[in-house]
Amino acid sequence: MYDFANSGYTTVVLTAIYSAYFVGVVAQASEPGNSTATLLWTLAMGISNFLVLASAPVLGAIADHRACKKSFLLFTTAGCVLFTALLGLAGPGDIAAAFLLVVLASFMFGSGENLIASFLPEIARPEDMGRISGYGWALGYLGGLLVLGVCLAWIAWAEGQGQGASQFVPVTLWITAGAFVLATLPTFLWLRERAVPAPLQEGMSYYFRAGLARVRHTLAEARRFRDLFRFLITLAIYYCGISTVVVLAAVYAQQAMGFSTRETVVLILVVNFTAAAGAFLFGHLQDRFGSVRTLAVTLLVWIAALMLAYFIESRAGFWTAANLIGLALGSSQSAGRALIGQFSPPERCAEFFGLWGLAGKLAAIVGPVSYGLITWLSHGNHRLALLATAIFFIAGLLLLLTVNEQRGRRAALARY
């Protein structure tokens, strides 16, 4: 249900509505292609993800050490809801306020995403993690669909009343914040914290020092968990591509393909159906054929979809490419989360998922910012930036072939 809840933020703010609104309305860029506004948006994503990257490993280690994942999760959820609601008050020209608020909201969102993922090994056996993770991603896309569908209904009504984007987009942010609160209630009412707090070692008077010490210990054992760390590098590379598509899909649709806000929302709605189906289907295939093999197939689908999107000119062709991306999107994210769970020692789940968050957020800096820079340097050539994004998936696929799934599982289960 938390996957269901936070997907509304991803879908409305990062992907379908607010990203394009920031570029086309808030930043009010006048040059062809809105390249400066696109760069500003990608820099906001880069800064927020850098904050998550810097804090995730230590926060995860502290959460494990003191068994307080759920408390941390409540704090980050409240922060994301608050800043998303405040974002609706930033209108055209309020660049600094909108920039700051989206950075803070995305930081809270990313931190919460890491924390909820760290519960996976507590509620699923290793042989079921792919399926359970796939269920979560599939339900998440359905949550995104529901919130986006309500927003689409509101946009259609508002446009019928003659309202512009500066009037109807803020309401979609308040819808998203409200839905986030309601959908997280089952998590905070019924999800149990199964971990047991560990006593502080002598001389460690602050939780921060305890968490930092555990992270240093983890990094020092990179050789023992070599497949985990090898996969973290692989994930960081192909996640550069995923993060780019997630936060710039609407911008590309409107700037390169000429879609309107309503057309973009309809496109994202359909793609969410495809993504939910992909997460559900490939989640089952993971447990049957292995996570590495399944992930390799999804990366091939990514490469094919981006190449198709680069070469086609028609809207029908772009719809095909977008749905291929949807099919690969849910499954590639689900497979990555499941592999980290399989490679993580049970007693150090939050710590290792903090490293997963670090790799993912590093990618969320490099990928979108590289797209923004290419667009800016090429004076608004979004197609060139999209073609460069495919390189991340090609490199990720090549590195994935070096990961040994069975060896990584054995290392996670071996006693200290």
Protein backbone atom coordinates (compact mmCIF):
# COMPACT_ATOMS: atom_id res chain seq x y z
CA MET A 1 0.00 0.00 0.00
CA TYR A 2 2.93 2.36 0.47
CA ASP A 3 3.98 1.64 -3.11
CA PHE A 4 0.39 2.48 -4.02
CA ALA A 5 0.58 5.73 -2.02
CA ASN A 6 3.88 7.23 -3.15
CA SER A 7 3.37 6.46 -6.84
CA GLY A 8 0.96 9.38 -7.07
CA TYR A 9 3.87 11.72 -6.34
CA THR A 10 6.08 10.07 -8.94
CA THR A 11 3.36 10.10 -11.58
CA VAL A 12 1.94 13.60 -11.09
CA VAL A 13 4.91 15.64 -9.88
CA LEU A 14 7.95 13.98 -11.44
CA THR A 15 6.52 12.50 -14.63
CA ALA A 16 3.18 13.57 -16.06
CA ILE A 17 2.13 17.05 -14.98
CA TYR A 18 4.40 19.17 -12.82
CA SER A 19 7.67 18.59 -14.70
CA ALA A 20 6.22 20.00 -17.91
CA TYR A 21 4.41 22.74 -15.96
CA PHE A 22 7.69 23.83 -14.33
CA VAL A 23 9.46 23.96 -17.69
CA GLY A 24 6.66 25.61 -19.67
CA VAL A 25 4.98 27.87 -17.10
CA VAL A 26 6.84 28.40 -13.81
CA ALA A 27 10.29 28.96 -15.31
CA GLN A 28 8.78 30.89 -18.23
CA ALA A 29 11.68 30.18 -20.57
CA SER A 30 11.26 31.91 -23.90
CA GLU A 31 14.08 30.45 -25.97
CA PRO A 32 13.37 27.61 -28.47
CA GLY A 33 13.03 24.24 -26.77
CA ASN A 34 12.94 25.76 -23.27
CA SER A 35 16.46 24.43 -22.80
CA THR A 36 17.30 26.64 -19.81
CA ALA A 37 14.05 25.68 -18.05
CA THR A 38 14.77 22.00 -18.78
CA LEU A 39 18.23 22.41 -17.27
CA LEU A 40 16.75 24.04 -14.15
CA TRP A 41 14.32 21.15 -13.73
CA THR A 42 17.05 18.55 -14.06
CA LEU A 43 19.25 20.48 -11.61
CA ALA A 44 16.41 20.43 -9.06
CA MET A 45 16.18 16.66 -9.49
CA GLY A 46 19.96 16.39 -9.21
CA ILE A 47 20.17 18.37 -5.97
CA SER A 48 17.33 16.49 -4.28
CA ASN A 49 18.82 13.16 -5.22
CA PHE A 50 22.26 14.25 -4.06
CA LEU A 51 20.75 14.94 -0.63
CA VAL A 52 19.24 11.45 -0.58
CA LEU A 53 22.51 9.97 -1.81
CA ALA A 54 24.49 11.64 0.96
CA SER A 55 22.11 10.66 3.75
CA ALA A 56 20.70 7.26 2.73
CA PRO A 57 23.46 4.88 3.88
CA VAL A 58 23.79 6.45 7.32
CA LEU A 59 20.02 6.79 7.82
CA GLY A 60 19.58 3.15 6.80
CA ALA A 61 22.27 1.96 9.18
CA ILE A 62 20.77 3.98 12.04
CA ALA A 63 17.30 2.62 11.24
CA ASP A 64 18.66 -0.94 11.47
CA HIS A 65 20.66 -0.24 14.62
CA ARG A 66 17.80 1.34 16.55
CA ALA A 67 14.91 -0.48 14.77
CA CYS A 68 13.23 2.81 13.86
CA LYS A 69 12.53 2.41 10.15
CA LYS A 70 8.83 3.05 10.65
CA SER A 71 9.39 6.27 12.60
CA PHE A 72 11.76 7.57 9.93
CA LEU A 73 9.22 6.58 7.29
CA LEU A 74 6.47 8.58 9.01
CA PHE A 75 8.68 11.68 9.12
CA THR A 76 9.67 11.51 5.45
CA THR A 77 6.09 10.86 4.38
CA ALA A 78 4.81 13.89 6.29
CA GLY A 79 7.55 16.01 4.75
CA CYS A 80 6.79 14.93 1.20
CA VAL A 81 3.06 15.59 1.68
CA LEU A 82 3.68 19.05 3.18
CA PHE A 83 6.12 20.25 0.53
CA THR A 84 3.97 18.88 -2.31
CA ALA A 85 0.99 20.84 -0.99
CA LEU A 86 3.07 24.01 -0.65
CA LEU A 87 4.34 23.53 -4.20
CA GLY A 88 0.83 24.32 -5.40
CA LEU A 89 1.26 27.90 -4.10
CA ALA A 90 4.22 28.63 -6.42
CA GLY A 91 2.91 30.26 -9.57
CA PRO A 92 4.41 31.53 -12.86
CA GLY A 93 7.71 33.28 -12.23
CA ASP A 94 8.15 31.88 -8.70
CA ILE A 95 11.20 29.97 -9.85
CA ALA A 96 13.19 30.06 -6.61
CA ALA A 97 10.25 28.96 -4.43
CA ALA A 98 9.20 26.18 -6.80
CA PHE A 99 12.79 25.02 -7.18
CA LEU A 100 13.31 24.82 -3.40
CA LEU A 101 10.00 23.10 -2.69
CA VAL A 102 10.41 20.45 -5.37
CA VAL A 103 13.92 19.72 -4.08
CA LEU A 104 12.62 19.26 -0.52
CA ALA A 105 9.58 17.19 -1.57
CA SER A 106 11.70 14.93 -3.76
CA PHE A 107 14.28 14.50 -1.00
CA MET A 108 11.58 13.34 1.42
CA PHE A 109 10.07 11.08 -1.25
CA GLY A 110 13.42 9.45 -2.07
CA SER A 111 14.30 8.86 1.57
CA GLY A 112 10.92 7.25 2.20
CA GLU A 113 11.34 5.07 -0.87
CA ASN A 114 14.54 3.62 0.58
CA LEU A 115 12.97 3.02 3.98
CA ILE A 116 9.88 1.21 2.72
CA ALA A 117 12.05 -0.99 0.47
CA SER A 118 14.07 -2.12 3.49
CA PHE A 119 10.96 -3.85 4.91
CA LEU A 120 10.91 -6.30 1.97
CA PRO A 121 13.28 -8.94 3.44
CA GLU A 122 11.25 -8.87 6.70
CA ILE A 123 7.97 -9.79 5.00
CA ALA A 124 9.08 -12.08 2.17
CA ARG A 125 11.23 -15.22 1.93
CA PRO A 126 14.21 -14.99 -0.44
CA GLU A 127 12.53 -17.24 -3.01
CA ASP A 128 9.42 -15.01 -3.00
CA MET A 129 11.05 -11.58 -3.12
CA GLY A 130 10.75 -11.17 -6.87
CA ARG A 131 7.03 -11.94 -6.77
CA ILE A 132 6.28 -9.76 -3.73
CA SER A 133 8.37 -6.89 -5.08
CA GLY A 134 6.55 -7.22 -8.40
CA TYR A 135 3.18 -7.07 -6.62
CA GLY A 136 4.29 -3.89 -4.88
CA TRP A 137 5.40 -2.22 -8.10
CA ALA A 138 2.23 -3.32 -9.90
CA LEU A 139 0.02 -1.97 -7.11
CA GLY A 140 2.12 1.18 -7.13
CA TYR A 141 1.39 1.80 -10.78
CA LEU A 142 -2.30 1.29 -10.10
CA GLY A 143 -2.04 3.93 -7.37
CA GLY A 144 -0.37 6.29 -9.80
CA LEU A 145 -3.12 5.56 -12.31
CA LEU A 146 -5.84 6.35 -9.79
CA VAL A 147 -4.35 9.68 -8.74
CA LEU A 148 -3.53 10.65 -12.32
CA GLY A 149 -7.04 9.67 -13.42
CA VAL A 150 -8.57 11.98 -10.80
CA CYS A 151 -6.20 14.74 -11.94
CA LEU A 152 -7.18 14.17 -15.58
CA ALA A 153 -10.86 14.50 -14.69
CA TRP A 154 -10.10 17.76 -12.89
CA ILE A 155 -8.02 19.10 -15.80
CA ALA A 156 -10.76 18.25 -18.30
CA TRP A 157 -13.35 20.07 -16.16
CA ALA A 158 -11.07 23.06 -15.54
CA GLU A 159 -10.21 23.45 -19.22
CA GLY A 160 -13.93 23.33 -19.99
CA GLN A 161 -14.35 26.26 -17.61
CA GLY A 162 -11.67 28.19 -19.48
CA GLN A 163 -8.95 27.81 -16.83
CA GLY A 164 -5.27 27.76 -17.76
CA ALA A 165 -2.46 25.56 -16.48
CA SER A 166 -1.54 28.05 -13.75
CA GLN A 167 -5.04 27.56 -12.31
CA PHE A 168 -5.60 23.81 -12.63
CA VAL A 169 -2.10 22.38 -12.04
CA PRO A 170 -1.87 23.52 -8.38
CA VAL A 171 -5.07 21.61 -7.60
CA THR A 172 -3.50 18.42 -8.99
CA LEU A 173 -0.69 18.83 -6.43
CA TRP A 174 -3.21 19.07 -3.59
CA ILE A 175 -5.02 16.00 -4.92
CA THR A 176 -1.69 14.15 -4.92
CA ALA A 177 -0.85 15.20 -1.35
CA GLY A 178 -4.28 14.17 -0.06
CA ALA A 179 -4.17 10.79 -1.79
CA PHE A 180 -0.68 10.17 -0.37
CA VAL A 181 -1.96 10.67 3.18
CA LEU A 182 -4.99 8.40 2.77
CA ALA A 183 -3.16 5.55 1.03
CA THR A 184 -0.37 5.38 3.61
CA LEU A 185 -2.77 4.78 6.52
CA PRO A 186 -2.66 0.94 6.18
CA THR A 187 1.13 1.04 6.34
CA PHE A 188 1.28 3.07 9.54
CA LEU A 189 -1.63 1.25 11.17
CA TRP A 190 -0.64 -2.36 10.47
CA LEU A 191 2.96 -2.73 9.26
CA ARG A 192 5.06 -3.97 12.19
CA GLU A 193 8.67 -3.10 12.94
CA ARG A 194 10.11 -6.60 13.33
CA ALA A 195 13.71 -5.56 13.94
CA VAL A 196 15.10 -5.49 17.49
CA PRO A 197 17.10 -2.43 18.64
CA ALA A 198 20.79 -3.16 19.13
CA PRO A 199 22.61 -1.76 22.16
CA LEU A 200 25.05 1.02 21.46
CA GLN A 201 28.66 -0.04 21.68
CA GLU A 202 30.84 1.56 24.32
CA GLY A 203 32.00 4.98 23.24
CA MET A 204 29.27 5.41 20.62
CA SER A 205 27.14 8.07 22.25
CA TYR A 206 25.45 9.25 19.11
CA TYR A 207 23.34 7.30 16.66
CA PHE A 208 25.07 9.04 13.80
CA ARG A 209 28.44 7.63 14.81
CA ALA A 210 26.94 4.16 15.16
CA GLY A 211 25.38 4.34 11.72
CA LEU A 212 28.50 5.74 10.10
CA ALA A 213 30.62 2.99 11.65
CA ARG A 214 28.34 0.31 10.19
CA VAL A 215 28.50 1.87 6.74
CA ARG A 216 32.30 1.96 6.88
CA HIS A 217 32.24 -1.71 7.89
CA THR A 218 30.00 -2.53 4.94
CA LEU A 219 32.22 -0.73 2.45
CA ALA A 220 35.26 -2.47 3.91
CA GLU A 221 33.61 -5.82 3.10
CA ALA A 222 33.10 -5.05 -0.56
CA ARG A 223 35.15 -8.11 -1.52
CA ARG A 224 32.90 -10.42 0.49
CA PHE A 225 29.77 -8.93 -1.09
CA ARG A 226 31.36 -8.50 -4.50
CA ASP A 227 28.23 -9.40 -6.46
CA LEU A 228 26.18 -6.95 -4.40
CA PHE A 229 28.62 -4.13 -5.08
CA ARG A 230 29.03 -5.14 -8.72
CA PHE A 231 25.27 -5.05 -9.11
CA LEU A 232 25.06 -1.68 -7.33
CA ILE A 233 27.39 -0.25 -9.99
CA THR A 234 25.31 -1.91 -12.72
CA LEU A 235 22.11 -0.56 -11.20
CA ALA A 236 23.55 2.95 -10.89
CA ILE A 237 24.32 2.98 -14.61
CA TYR A 238 21.04 1.69 -16.01
CA TYR A 239 19.08 3.70 -13.42
CA CYS A 240 20.60 6.82 -15.03
CA GLY A 241 18.41 6.01 -18.02
CA ILE A 242 15.33 5.15 -15.96
CA SER A 243 15.57 8.33 -13.88
CA THR A 244 15.93 10.42 -17.02
CA VAL A 245 12.81 8.98 -18.61
CA VAL A 246 10.75 9.26 -15.41
CA VAL A 247 11.40 12.97 -14.81
CA LEU A 248 11.51 14.09 -18.46
CA ALA A 249 8.85 12.00 -20.20
CA ALA A 250 6.23 14.77 -20.13
CA VAL A 251 8.80 17.39 -21.09
CA TYR A 252 9.82 15.32 -24.13
CA ALA A 253 6.21 14.63 -25.11
CA GLN A 254 5.32 18.32 -25.06
CA GLN A 255 8.56 19.86 -26.30
CA ALA A 256 9.56 17.29 -28.96
CA MET A 257 6.23 15.71 -29.95
CA GLY A 258 3.88 18.66 -29.41
CA PHE A 259 1.53 16.96 -26.92
CA SER A 260 -0.84 19.10 -24.84
CA THR A 261 -1.12 18.70 -21.05
CA ARG A 262 -4.26 16.58 -21.37
CA GLU A 263 -2.74 14.40 -24.12
CA THR A 264 0.37 13.88 -22.02
CA VAL A 265 -1.68 12.82 -19.00
CA VAL A 266 -3.64 10.31 -21.13
CA LEU A 267 -0.35 8.91 -22.48
CA ILE A 268 1.08 8.47 -18.97
CA LEU A 269 -2.18 6.85 -17.81
CA VAL A 270 -1.94 4.20 -20.51
CA VAL A 271 1.77 3.66 -19.90
CA ASN A 272 1.05 3.09 -16.19
CA PHE A 273 -1.25 0.20 -17.16
CA THR A 274 1.55 -1.25 -19.24
CA ALA A 275 4.06 -0.74 -16.42
CA ALA A 276 1.79 -2.47 -13.90
CA ALA A 277 1.40 -5.43 -16.25
CA GLY A 278 5.16 -5.55 -16.79
CA ALA A 279 5.92 -5.51 -13.06
CA PHE A 280 3.38 -8.27 -12.40
CA LEU A 281 4.49 -10.48 -15.29
CA PHE A 282 8.24 -10.13 -14.86
CA GLY A 283 7.92 -10.49 -11.08
CA HIS A 284 6.75 -14.06 -11.66
CA LEU A 285 9.41 -14.66 -14.32
CA GLN A 286 12.12 -13.52 -11.88
CA ASP A 287 11.35 -16.27 -9.40
CA ARG A 288 11.23 -18.87 -12.16
CA PHE A 289 14.18 -17.91 -14.38
CA GLY A 290 16.28 -15.74 -12.05
CA SER A 291 16.44 -12.00 -11.48
CA VAL A 292 19.57 -11.39 -13.55
CA ARG A 293 18.19 -13.08 -16.68
CA THR A 294 14.85 -11.33 -16.31
CA LEU A 295 16.51 -7.96 -15.82
CA ALA A 296 18.67 -8.49 -18.92
CA VAL A 297 15.51 -8.96 -21.01
CA THR A 298 13.99 -5.75 -19.66
CA LEU A 299 17.15 -3.78 -20.50
CA LEU A 300 16.94 -5.04 -24.08
CA VAL A 301 13.35 -3.79 -24.22
CA TRP A 302 14.52 -0.40 -22.92
CA ILE A 303 17.16 -0.13 -25.64
CA ALA A 304 14.70 -1.05 -28.39
CA ALA A 305 12.09 1.42 -27.10
CA LEU A 306 14.47 4.38 -26.94
CA MET A 307 15.89 3.70 -30.39
CA LEU A 308 12.34 3.55 -31.76
CA ALA A 309 11.43 6.83 -30.02
CA TYR A 310 14.49 8.51 -31.52
CA PHE A 311 13.79 7.53 -35.11
CA ILE A 312 9.99 7.85 -35.31
CA GLU A 313 8.24 11.11 -36.17
CA SER A 314 4.58 10.13 -35.81
CA ARG A 315 2.50 10.21 -32.66
CA ALA A 316 1.38 6.60 -33.25
CA GLY A 317 5.01 5.47 -33.27
CA PHE A 318 5.70 7.44 -30.11
CA TRP A 319 2.75 5.73 -28.40
CA THR A 320 4.29 2.36 -29.29
CA ALA A 321 7.69 3.35 -27.91
CA ALA A 322 6.11 4.76 -24.75
CA ASN A 323 4.28 1.52 -24.01
CA LEU A 324 7.42 -0.53 -24.55
CA ILE A 325 9.07 1.75 -22.02
CA GLY A 326 6.18 1.13 -19.64
CA LEU A 327 6.57 -2.63 -20.00
CA ALA A 328 10.25 -2.41 -19.13
CA LEU A 329 9.93 0.32 -16.49
CA GLY A 330 8.05 -1.56 -13.78
CA SER A 331 9.89 -4.83 -14.32
CA SER A 332 13.40 -3.35 -14.30
CA GLN A 333 12.76 -1.42 -11.08
CA SER A 334 11.15 -4.44 -9.41
CA ALA A 335 13.99 -6.77 -10.42
CA GLY A 336 16.60 -4.38 -9.06
CA ARG A 337 14.87 -4.12 -5.68
CA ALA A 338 14.47 -7.90 -5.45
CA LEU A 339 18.15 -8.53 -6.24
CA ILE A 340 19.28 -6.15 -3.51
CA GLY A 341 16.98 -7.97 -1.07
CA GLN A 342 18.44 -11.33 -2.09
CA PHE A 343 22.01 -10.06 -1.74
CA SER A 344 21.44 -8.43 1.70
CA PRO A 345 22.10 -10.15 5.07
CA PRO A 346 18.76 -10.28 6.94
CA GLU A 347 20.04 -8.33 9.96
CA ARG A 348 21.38 -5.45 7.85
CA CYS A 349 18.56 -4.85 5.39
CA ALA A 350 18.07 -1.12 5.91
CA GLU A 351 21.83 -0.54 5.64
CA PHE A 352 22.12 -2.36 2.31
CA PHE A 353 18.97 -0.78 0.97
CA GLY A 354 20.55 2.52 1.92
CA LEU A 355 23.36 1.62 -0.47
CA TRP A 356 20.69 0.74 -3.05
CA GLY A 357 19.27 4.20 -2.50
CA LEU A 358 22.74 5.70 -2.87
CA ALA A 359 23.25 4.00 -6.24
CA GLY A 360 19.77 4.94 -7.43
CA LYS A 361 20.08 8.56 -6.38
CA LEU A 362 23.53 8.89 -7.92
CA ALA A 363 21.88 7.76 -11.13
CA ALA A 364 19.06 10.23 -10.61
CA ILE A 365 21.66 13.00 -10.56
CA VAL A 366 23.79 11.93 -13.50
CA GLY A 367 21.00 10.84 -15.85
CA PRO A 368 18.61 13.83 -15.81
CA VAL A 369 21.39 16.42 -15.51
CA SER A 370 23.19 14.91 -18.51
CA TYR A 371 19.91 15.15 -20.47
CA GLY A 372 19.49 18.78 -19.37
CA LEU A 373 23.06 19.67 -20.33
CA ILE A 374 22.80 18.01 -23.74
CA THR A 375 19.51 19.82 -24.39
CA TRP A 376 20.99 23.13 -23.28
CA LEU A 377 24.20 22.75 -25.29
CA SER A 378 22.27 21.65 -28.40
CA HIS A 379 19.79 24.54 -28.07
CA GLY A 380 16.79 22.37 -27.29
CA ASN A 381 17.52 19.15 -29.22
CA HIS A 382 15.52 16.70 -27.10
CA ARG A 383 15.95 13.86 -29.61
CA LEU A 384 19.73 13.96 -29.27
CA ALA A 385 19.42 13.90 -25.49
CA LEU A 386 17.08 10.89 -25.70
CA LEU A 387 19.52 9.01 -27.92
CA ALA A 388 22.31 9.61 -25.40
CA THR A 389 20.06 8.13 -22.69
CA ALA A 390 20.09 4.75 -24.47
CA ILE A 391 23.83 4.47 -23.79
CA PHE A 392 23.13 4.00 -20.07
CA PHE A 393 21.03 0.90 -20.75
CA ILE A 394 23.60 -0.60 -23.11
CA ALA A 395 26.39 -0.16 -20.56
CA GLY A 396 24.16 -1.50 -17.77
CA LEU A 397 23.36 -4.63 -19.76
CA LEU A 398 27.04 -5.36 -20.38
CA LEU A 399 27.90 -4.97 -16.69
CA LEU A 400 24.91 -7.07 -15.60
CA LEU A 401 26.42 -10.06 -17.38
CA THR A 402 29.25 -10.06 -14.80
CA VAL A 403 26.90 -10.51 -11.79
CA ASN A 404 26.60 -14.04 -10.36
CA GLU A 405 23.17 -14.31 -8.76
CA GLN A 406 23.72 -17.58 -6.86
CA ARG A 407 27.06 -16.48 -5.44
CA GLY A 408 25.51 -13.20 -4.28
CA ARG A 409 22.72 -15.07 -2.44
CA ARG A 410 25.23 -17.37 -0.72
CA ALA A 411 27.26 -14.39 0.50
CA ALA A 412 24.15 -12.81 2.02
CA LEU A 413 23.29 -15.97 3.97
CA ALA A 414 26.83 -16.76 5.16
CA ARG A 415 27.44 -16.22 8.87
CA TYR A 416 29.86 -13.54 10.08
